[in-house]
Protein backbone atom coordinates (compact mmCIF):
# COMPACT_ATOMS: atom_id res chain seq x y z
CA MET A 1 0.52 0.00 -0.04
CA LEU A 2 1.46 3.60 -0.78
CA LYS A 3 1.21 6.60 1.23
CA ARG A 4 1.39 10.20 0.32
CA ILE A 5 3.63 11.78 3.86
CA ALA A 6 5.45 15.17 4.54
CA VAL A 7 9.31 14.87 4.01
CA LYS A 8 9.38 16.25 8.12
CA ASP A 9 7.61 12.53 8.95
CA ILE A 10 10.22 9.87 7.22
CA GLN A 11 11.76 7.84 9.26
CA LEU A 12 14.65 5.11 9.31
CA GLY A 13 13.24 1.68 7.66
CA MET A 14 10.89 3.10 5.27
CA PHE A 15 10.68 2.18 2.19
CA ILE A 16 10.61 5.48 -0.10
CA CYS A 17 8.89 4.68 -3.83
CA GLU A 18 9.21 8.21 -5.34
CA PHE A 19 9.71 12.07 -4.37
CA CYS A 20 7.09 14.56 -5.58
CA GLY A 21 8.92 16.77 -6.91
CA SER A 22 11.83 16.79 -10.59
CA TRP A 23 14.57 14.76 -10.14
CA MET A 24 16.69 17.73 -10.82
CA GLU A 25 15.63 18.73 -6.91
CA HIS A 26 17.22 16.04 -5.33
CA PRO A 27 20.68 13.58 -5.06
CA PHE A 28 19.49 10.53 -5.00
CA TRP A 29 19.68 8.18 -8.86
CA LYS A 30 17.24 5.93 -7.87
CA THR A 31 13.88 6.93 -6.21
CA LYS A 32 12.58 3.65 -4.78
CA PHE A 33 14.74 2.13 -1.65
CA LEU A 34 14.53 1.55 1.71
CA LEU A 35 15.77 3.96 3.65
CA THR A 36 18.60 2.84 6.11
CA ASP A 37 21.14 5.71 6.59
CA GLU A 38 21.27 8.52 8.76
CA LYS A 39 23.31 10.42 5.56
CA ASP A 40 20.27 9.99 3.56
CA MET A 41 17.64 10.82 5.54
CA GLN A 42 19.61 14.49 6.33
CA ALA A 43 20.24 14.55 2.64
CA ILE A 44 16.19 14.53 1.74
CA LEU A 45 14.97 17.15 4.81
CA ALA A 46 17.23 19.28 2.91
CA SER A 47 16.77 19.05 -0.53
CA GLY A 48 13.69 21.22 -0.99
CA ILE A 49 11.28 18.15 -1.47
CA LYS A 50 8.19 18.11 0.61
CA GLU A 51 6.81 14.94 -0.21
CA LEU A 52 7.46 12.06 -0.69
CA TRP A 53 5.30 8.58 -1.27
CA ILE A 54 6.38 5.82 0.83
CA ASP A 55 5.40 1.59 0.08
CA VAL A 56 3.74 0.78 3.72
CA THR A 57 4.06 -3.22 2.48
CA GLN A 58 8.25 -2.74 2.51
CA GLY A 59 8.92 -0.71 5.30
CA ALA A 60 7.71 1.11 8.01
CA ASP A 61 4.35 3.06 8.20
CA LEU A 62 3.52 6.49 9.65
CA GLY A 63 2.08 6.54 12.99
CA ALA A 64 -1.46 6.26 13.96
CA ALA A 65 -1.61 10.38 14.99
CA VAL A 66 0.54 11.00 11.73
CA PRO A 67 -1.19 12.16 8.38
CA GLY A 68 -0.90 10.66 5.80
CA LYS A 69 -3.38 10.37 1.86
CA THR A 70 -3.85 7.52 0.44
CA GLU A 71 -3.00 6.86 -3.83
CA GLU A 72 -6.98 7.44 -4.01
CA GLU A 73 -7.18 10.60 -2.20
CA VAL A 74 -4.21 12.14 -3.48
CA ALA A 75 -5.62 10.83 -7.70
CA ARG A 76 -9.02 12.93 -6.55
CA GLU A 77 -7.04 16.12 -5.55
CA THR A 78 -5.19 16.00 -9.26
CA GLU A 79 -7.97 15.64 -10.79
CA ALA A 80 -9.80 18.33 -8.94
CA VAL A 81 -6.52 20.36 -10.47
CA LEU A 82 -6.21 19.20 -13.80
CA LEU A 83 -9.54 19.76 -14.64
CA GLY A 84 -9.63 23.44 -13.16
CA ALA A 85 -7.86 23.82 -16.75
CA GLU A 86 -11.01 22.96 -18.96
CA LYS A 87 -10.75 26.18 -21.47
CA THR A 88 -13.13 27.10 -23.73
CA GLN A 89 -11.29 30.14 -25.42
CA HIS A 90 -10.92 29.86 -29.87
CA SER A 91 -8.75 30.43 -31.76
CA GLU A 92 -7.38 29.73 -35.21
CA LYS A 93 -4.79 27.45 -36.33
CA VAL A 94 -3.03 25.07 -39.07
CA SER A 95 -3.21 22.02 -38.06
CA LEU A 96 -0.90 19.59 -36.35
CA GLU A 97 -0.26 17.86 -40.23
CA ASP A 98 0.17 20.44 -42.18
CA GLU A 99 2.85 22.49 -39.35
CA ILE A 100 4.82 19.73 -38.80
CA GLN A 101 7.87 19.22 -41.23
CA THR A 102 8.10 23.28 -40.57
CA ALA A 103 8.35 22.53 -36.89
CA ALA A 104 10.72 19.87 -37.62
CA LYS A 105 13.34 21.76 -40.11
CA LEU A 106 13.05 24.42 -37.18
CA CYS A 107 14.10 22.11 -34.67
CA ALA A 108 17.14 20.91 -36.67
CA LYS A 109 18.59 24.42 -37.81
CA ALA A 110 17.10 26.01 -33.33
CA LYS A 111 20.01 23.36 -31.96
CA GLU A 112 22.84 24.32 -34.45
CA ALA A 113 22.30 27.56 -33.43
CA VAL A 114 22.16 27.50 -29.51
CA ILE A 115 25.48 24.73 -30.17
CA GLU A 116 27.15 27.97 -31.59
CA MET A 117 26.11 30.17 -29.29
CA PHE A 118 27.01 27.57 -26.13
CA SER A 119 30.27 27.37 -27.45
CA ASP A 120 30.62 30.86 -27.91
CA ALA A 121 29.41 31.47 -24.49
CA ARG A 122 31.77 28.73 -23.09
CA MET A 123 35.32 30.08 -25.06
CA GLY A 124 34.24 33.49 -23.49
CA LYS A 125 32.58 34.86 -27.33
CA ALA A 126 30.06 37.27 -26.98
CA ILE A 127 26.57 35.80 -27.74
CA LYS A 128 25.59 36.51 -31.24
CA ILE A 129 21.87 38.22 -30.07
CA GLU A 130 20.57 39.26 -33.19
CA GLN A 131 21.03 35.82 -33.99
CA ALA A 132 19.49 34.72 -30.42
CA ARG A 133 16.31 37.20 -31.95
CA ALA A 134 15.95 35.88 -34.66
CA LEU A 135 15.40 32.01 -33.74
CA VAL A 136 13.38 33.41 -31.31
CA GLU A 137 10.88 34.75 -34.01
CA ASP A 138 10.46 31.88 -36.05
CA ILE A 139 9.65 29.84 -33.15
CA SER A 140 6.80 32.54 -32.08
CA ASP A 141 5.87 31.98 -35.62
CA SER A 142 5.74 28.24 -35.50
CA VAL A 143 3.97 28.50 -32.62
CA LEU A 144 1.18 30.74 -33.54
CA ARG A 145 0.06 28.45 -36.22
CA GLN A 146 0.92 25.19 -34.18
CA PRO A 147 1.61 25.13 -30.68
CA HIS A 148 1.48 21.96 -30.34
CA ALA A 149 4.00 21.12 -33.25
CA LEU A 150 6.87 22.84 -32.02
CA ILE A 151 6.65 21.56 -28.53
CA SER A 152 6.14 18.25 -28.90
CA LEU A 153 8.80 18.09 -32.08
CA ALA A 154 10.93 19.31 -28.81
CA ARG A 155 10.32 17.20 -26.29
CA LEU A 156 12.41 13.81 -28.38
CA LYS A 157 15.43 14.35 -28.05
CA THR A 158 17.83 12.17 -26.97
CA ALA A 159 20.18 12.07 -23.99
CA ASP A 160 23.15 13.31 -25.79
CA GLU A 161 21.42 16.88 -27.23
CA TYR A 162 19.24 17.86 -24.32
CA THR A 163 21.38 20.73 -23.15
CA TYR A 164 20.72 22.66 -26.20
CA MET A 165 16.93 20.85 -26.99
CA HIS A 166 15.83 21.67 -23.96
CA SER A 167 16.94 25.24 -24.78
CA VAL A 168 14.26 25.14 -27.11
CA ALA A 169 11.80 23.60 -26.12
CA VAL A 170 12.21 25.52 -22.98
CA CYS A 171 11.45 28.94 -25.70
CA ALA A 172 8.47 27.71 -27.69
CA LEU A 173 6.75 26.52 -24.34
CA MET A 174 7.51 29.83 -22.86
CA ILE A 175 6.38 31.25 -25.88
CA ALA A 176 2.87 29.44 -25.85
CA LEU A 177 2.39 30.35 -21.87
CA ALA A 178 2.94 33.88 -22.91
CA ARG A 179 0.09 33.90 -25.55
CA GLN A 180 -2.34 31.92 -23.21
CA LEU A 181 -1.72 34.28 -19.76
CA ASN A 182 -2.00 37.50 -22.98
CA LEU A 183 0.93 39.09 -22.11
CA GLY A 184 1.29 41.22 -25.76
CA GLU A 185 3.70 40.18 -28.93
CA ASP A 186 6.63 42.07 -26.37
CA GLY A 187 5.83 40.17 -23.55
CA VAL A 188 5.42 36.69 -25.43
CA ARG A 189 8.67 37.53 -27.79
CA GLU A 190 10.62 38.18 -24.02
CA ALA A 191 9.23 35.55 -22.32
CA GLY A 192 10.88 33.20 -25.97
CA PHE A 193 13.93 35.05 -25.36
CA ALA A 194 14.21 34.14 -22.24
CA GLY A 195 13.15 30.62 -22.64
CA LEU A 196 15.92 30.46 -24.80
CA LEU A 197 19.19 31.23 -23.07
CA HIS A 198 17.27 30.66 -19.20
CA ASP A 199 19.92 27.54 -19.30
CA ILE A 200 22.90 29.31 -20.70
CA GLY A 201 25.20 29.08 -17.16
CA LYS A 202 25.32 25.59 -17.72
CA VAL A 203 28.29 26.13 -19.94
CA GLY A 204 30.14 26.84 -16.69
CA ILE A 205 29.53 23.11 -15.50
CA PRO A 206 32.02 20.06 -16.54
CA MET A 207 30.34 17.59 -18.44
CA LYS A 208 30.75 14.73 -17.02
CA VAL A 209 29.17 16.87 -14.33
CA LEU A 210 26.25 17.69 -16.72
CA ASN A 211 26.18 14.46 -18.47
CA LYS A 212 27.23 12.06 -15.41
CA PRO A 213 25.03 8.65 -16.06
CA GLY A 214 24.55 8.08 -12.25
CA LYS A 215 23.95 9.68 -8.91
CA LEU A 216 25.54 12.96 -8.44
CA THR A 217 27.55 13.06 -5.57
CA ASP A 218 26.84 16.85 -2.64
CA SER A 219 29.37 18.51 -4.75
CA GLU A 220 28.92 17.84 -8.09
CA PHE A 221 24.94 18.43 -7.20
CA ALA A 222 26.23 22.12 -5.68
CA ILE A 223 28.04 22.53 -9.02
CA VAL A 224 24.94 21.92 -10.55
CA LYS A 225 22.83 24.67 -8.68
CA SER A 226 25.34 27.07 -9.58
CA HIS A 227 24.13 27.42 -13.18
CA PRO A 228 21.78 29.86 -13.06
CA GLU A 229 23.99 32.36 -11.45
CA VAL A 230 26.45 31.46 -13.79
CA GLY A 231 24.36 32.13 -16.24
CA ALA A 232 22.87 35.25 -15.15
CA LYS A 233 27.16 36.79 -14.69
CA ILE A 234 27.18 35.52 -18.09
CA LEU A 235 23.75 38.17 -19.43
CA ILE A 236 25.26 40.45 -17.53
CA GLU A 237 28.39 40.73 -19.34
CA SER A 238 26.78 40.74 -22.17
CA TYR A 239 24.80 44.40 -21.99
CA GLN A 240 22.51 43.43 -24.35
CA VAL A 241 19.38 41.60 -22.15
CA SER A 242 16.26 42.86 -20.62
CA PRO A 243 16.45 43.02 -16.49
CA MET A 244 12.93 40.06 -16.99
CA VAL A 245 15.45 37.67 -19.13
CA LEU A 246 18.46 37.97 -17.26
CA ASP A 247 15.41 37.37 -14.10
CA VAL A 248 14.60 34.33 -15.61
CA CYS A 249 18.17 32.78 -15.79
CA LEU A 250 18.57 33.79 -11.91
CA HIS A 251 15.17 32.03 -11.16
CA HIS A 252 14.02 29.66 -12.88
CA HIS A 253 14.50 27.32 -9.99
CA GLU A 254 12.66 29.44 -7.09
CA LYS A 255 9.82 27.85 -5.97
CA VAL A 256 6.47 29.60 -4.41
CA ASP A 257 6.95 28.06 -1.15
CA GLY A 258 10.74 29.50 -0.88
CA THR A 259 12.65 26.58 -1.06
CA GLY A 260 14.15 27.25 -4.55
CA TYR A 261 17.20 28.30 -5.48
CA PRO A 262 19.73 29.95 -5.44
CA HIS A 263 17.71 32.91 -3.39
CA GLY A 264 14.79 30.84 -1.97
CA LEU A 265 12.67 33.65 -3.18
CA LYS A 266 8.55 32.94 -1.90
CA GLY A 267 5.45 33.86 -3.38
CA ASP A 268 5.21 37.61 -5.19
CA THR A 269 8.87 38.19 -4.46
CA ILE A 270 9.53 35.58 -7.60
CA SER A 271 8.13 37.33 -11.03
CA LEU A 272 5.29 35.85 -13.58
CA TYR A 273 8.31 35.49 -15.75
CA ALA A 274 10.22 33.24 -13.23
CA LYS A 275 7.19 31.52 -12.86
CA MET A 276 6.19 31.12 -15.96
CA GLY A 277 10.15 29.74 -16.12
CA ALA A 278 9.94 27.19 -14.00
CA VAL A 279 7.10 25.68 -14.68
CA CYS A 280 7.73 25.20 -18.30
CA ASP A 281 11.78 24.22 -16.94
CA VAL A 282 10.37 21.42 -14.76
CA TYR A 283 7.96 20.74 -17.68
CA ASP A 284 10.71 19.65 -20.19
CA ALA A 285 13.14 18.74 -18.11
CA ILE A 286 11.10 15.46 -16.83
CA THR A 287 9.49 14.59 -20.40
CA SER A 288 12.89 14.21 -22.09
CA ASN A 289 15.49 11.40 -21.58
CA ARG A 290 18.90 12.57 -19.60
CA PRO A 291 21.51 10.35 -19.37
CA TYR A 292 20.98 8.70 -16.07
CA LYS A 293 16.74 8.44 -16.60
CA LYS A 294 14.34 7.85 -19.23
CA GLY A 295 11.65 10.37 -19.40
CA TRP A 296 8.32 10.51 -18.30
CA ALA A 297 5.41 10.23 -20.74
CA PRO A 298 3.63 13.72 -21.26
CA ALA A 299 0.34 12.95 -19.45
CA ASP A 300 2.36 11.48 -16.50
CA SER A 301 4.32 14.53 -16.43
CA ILE A 302 1.32 17.48 -16.40
CA ARG A 303 -0.07 14.83 -13.53
CA LYS A 304 2.76 14.23 -11.29
CA MET A 305 3.50 18.28 -11.48
CA ALA A 306 -0.23 19.27 -10.77
CA GLU A 307 0.64 16.33 -8.07
CA TRP A 308 3.06 18.77 -6.16
CA SER A 309 2.13 22.59 -7.69
CA LYS A 310 0.95 23.84 -4.42
CA GLY A 311 4.74 24.88 -3.16
CA HIS A 312 6.38 24.36 -6.57
CA PHE A 313 4.27 26.59 -8.86
CA ASP A 314 2.07 29.16 -8.62
CA GLU A 315 -1.56 28.24 -9.31
CA ALA A 316 -2.35 30.91 -11.94
CA VAL A 317 0.76 30.54 -14.21
CA PHE A 318 -0.06 25.90 -13.96
CA GLN A 319 -3.32 26.55 -14.72
CA ALA A 320 -2.29 28.21 -18.38
CA PHE A 321 0.36 25.59 -18.42
CA VAL A 322 -2.25 23.19 -18.28
CA LYS A 323 -3.89 25.10 -20.91
CA THR A 324 -1.71 25.87 -22.98
CA VAL A 325 -0.32 21.96 -23.70
CA GLY A 326 -2.69 19.57 -22.32
CA ILE A 327 -4.39 17.31 -19.85
CA TYR A 328 -3.08 15.28 -22.54
CA PRO A 329 -0.24 16.60 -24.83
CA THR A 330 0.78 15.92 -27.82
CA GLY A 331 1.81 12.20 -27.96
CA SER A 332 0.63 10.69 -25.36
CA LEU A 333 -1.17 6.79 -25.42
CA VAL A 334 -4.40 6.69 -24.28
CA ARG A 335 -7.10 3.82 -22.79
CA LEU A 336 -10.81 4.93 -24.29
CA GLU A 337 -14.03 3.74 -23.22
CA SER A 338 -14.45 1.43 -26.17
CA GLY A 339 -11.10 -0.73 -25.43
CA ARG A 340 -8.72 0.89 -27.82
CA LEU A 341 -5.55 2.18 -27.49
CA ALA A 342 -4.88 6.00 -28.82
CA VAL A 343 -2.17 8.65 -29.25
CA VAL A 344 -2.97 12.09 -29.14
CA VAL A 345 -2.34 13.51 -31.95
CA GLU A 346 -4.07 17.32 -32.06
CA GLN A 347 -5.23 19.15 -28.95
CA ASN A 348 -9.14 20.65 -29.08
CA GLU A 349 -9.66 24.27 -28.69
CA THR A 350 -13.33 23.46 -26.19
CA SER A 351 -12.41 20.83 -24.50
CA LEU A 352 -8.82 19.36 -22.94
CA LEU A 353 -10.52 16.71 -21.78
CA ASN A 354 -11.46 15.13 -25.98
CA PRO A 355 -8.50 16.07 -27.68
CA THR A 356 -8.52 14.38 -31.31
CA VAL A 357 -6.84 11.09 -31.21
CA LYS A 358 -5.24 7.90 -33.67
CA VAL A 359 -6.42 4.61 -32.52
CA PHE A 360 -4.31 2.02 -33.91
CA PHE A 361 -4.32 -1.41 -31.13
CA SER A 362 -6.81 -3.38 -29.41
CA ALA A 363 -6.29 -3.46 -26.01
CA LYS A 364 -8.35 -7.12 -25.61
CA THR A 365 -7.39 -8.65 -28.02
CA LYS A 366 -3.60 -7.01 -27.74
CA MET A 367 -3.57 -6.63 -31.97
CA PRO A 368 -3.14 -4.16 -34.06
CA ILE A 369 -6.18 -2.25 -35.83
CA ILE A 370 -7.02 -0.74 -38.28
CA GLN A 371 -5.48 3.09 -38.01
CA GLU A 372 -8.56 6.25 -37.39
CA THR A 373 -8.54 9.59 -36.63
CA LEU A 374 -10.97 10.35 -34.30
CA ASP A 375 -12.10 14.17 -32.82
CA LEU A 376 -13.66 12.77 -29.32
CA SER A 377 -15.41 15.92 -29.02
CA LYS A 378 -17.99 14.85 -32.03
CA LEU A 379 -18.12 11.74 -30.12
CA VAL A 380 -19.66 12.49 -26.36
CA GLY A 381 -21.38 10.02 -25.32
CA LYS A 382 -19.77 8.15 -27.47
CA GLU A 383 -16.34 7.11 -26.64
CA LYS A 384 -13.51 9.57 -24.04
CA ILE A 385 -10.96 8.95 -22.94
CA ILE A 386 -11.03 6.67 -18.82
CA GLY A 387 -7.37 6.62 -18.54
CA ARG A 388 -3.35 7.04 -19.87
CA GLU A 389 -1.42 4.29 -20.59
CA SER A 390 2.95 3.53 -20.38
CA PRO A 391 3.82 2.83 -24.35
CA ASP A 392 7.06 0.90 -22.32
CA ASP A 393 4.37 -1.63 -20.69
CA TRP A 394 3.29 -2.52 -24.11
CA GLY A 395 6.21 -2.83 -25.36
CA PHE A 396 5.52 0.19 -28.02
CA LYS A 397 9.12 1.42 -29.43
CA ASN A 398 8.38 4.25 -31.51
CA LEU A 399 4.65 5.81 -30.55
CA ASP A 400 5.70 9.24 -31.59
CA LYS A 401 5.62 8.37 -35.44
CA LEU A 402 2.48 8.21 -34.70
CA TRP A 403 1.38 11.06 -34.44
CA SER A 404 4.50 12.92 -35.90
CA GLY A 405 4.91 11.01 -38.93
CA ILE A 406 8.66 10.98 -38.28
CA GLY A 407 10.86 8.35 -37.41
């Protein structure tokens, strides 16, 4: 039996199943282990993680007087957070199919541009700001035409290209989120520019630490956590960015409960754009494959972020983000009421719960079926999503080709 408990209530002898937060926030490579070491317990208490899951069948339980939450209670709370983001707005966009090839070419171009930008910064050269701004314009235009094409393609990066494509993905996510928040076109472009440059400080981290395929030591973890301040120094010396862009670089790891870094800012002392950067950065990080961990599926990631959202993220910003990417983001594997499995291919502008999906497999017969694209908003009362599925559980190797046509 699993329980979600407050970190302050952990005890030696508990079996830890999962930390309620991104794996960037704690020094543990494995998240499932029996807690037997006092040093490990102190590291958890000092990590900034506020809650975690324990398995009481494999380790110690809480005392009767200490509150904990069951999986069912947490599921109800999480569902309420996600359903609060149901949107009713309308906007004219091109289809994912129409934009996907353009977005794929832009991803390749953006990757090369960011590699060059990081290389220049690593060698102490000035960042080519005008080139970076032109790239943001191209990304902004693609996101305006169809936000889910470039955002979803950027998620498909390999572990080796994570550092570079993460900047592209966060740029696109910031642009889409800024439009969702109606920040105006100048605000949208600055948000995108901030997303592109938010991790520039990682040029100051040794590659052997950045790409280490195992648990970081305490000193290595401290080096990784220095990247916002390293990045801010690079941007200050460039004399070419706005205070807002600098602020996002410096504060995208702050949390609204004050447990973030580098300054432990809390609530409204964190700017709107830094709050946006925090959500976009975490989403792309946890959906991406890293040298030491395979990324979570997009729908699982949104649900986990909703679980942690109180304390981690600004509530209004997170709700806007869910509206931006969807409760079932493009590329999510879902089970339909009919027993068919489908991949989400496009979001619906009127309902987050009823995206367009492509059915391709029968969960009942465990056999492929004729592929068919369904707009679930037109099948209300006849067909609906009843749950998320893991591609690994079904052995699907190239699910992304179904929605992207690439691969």
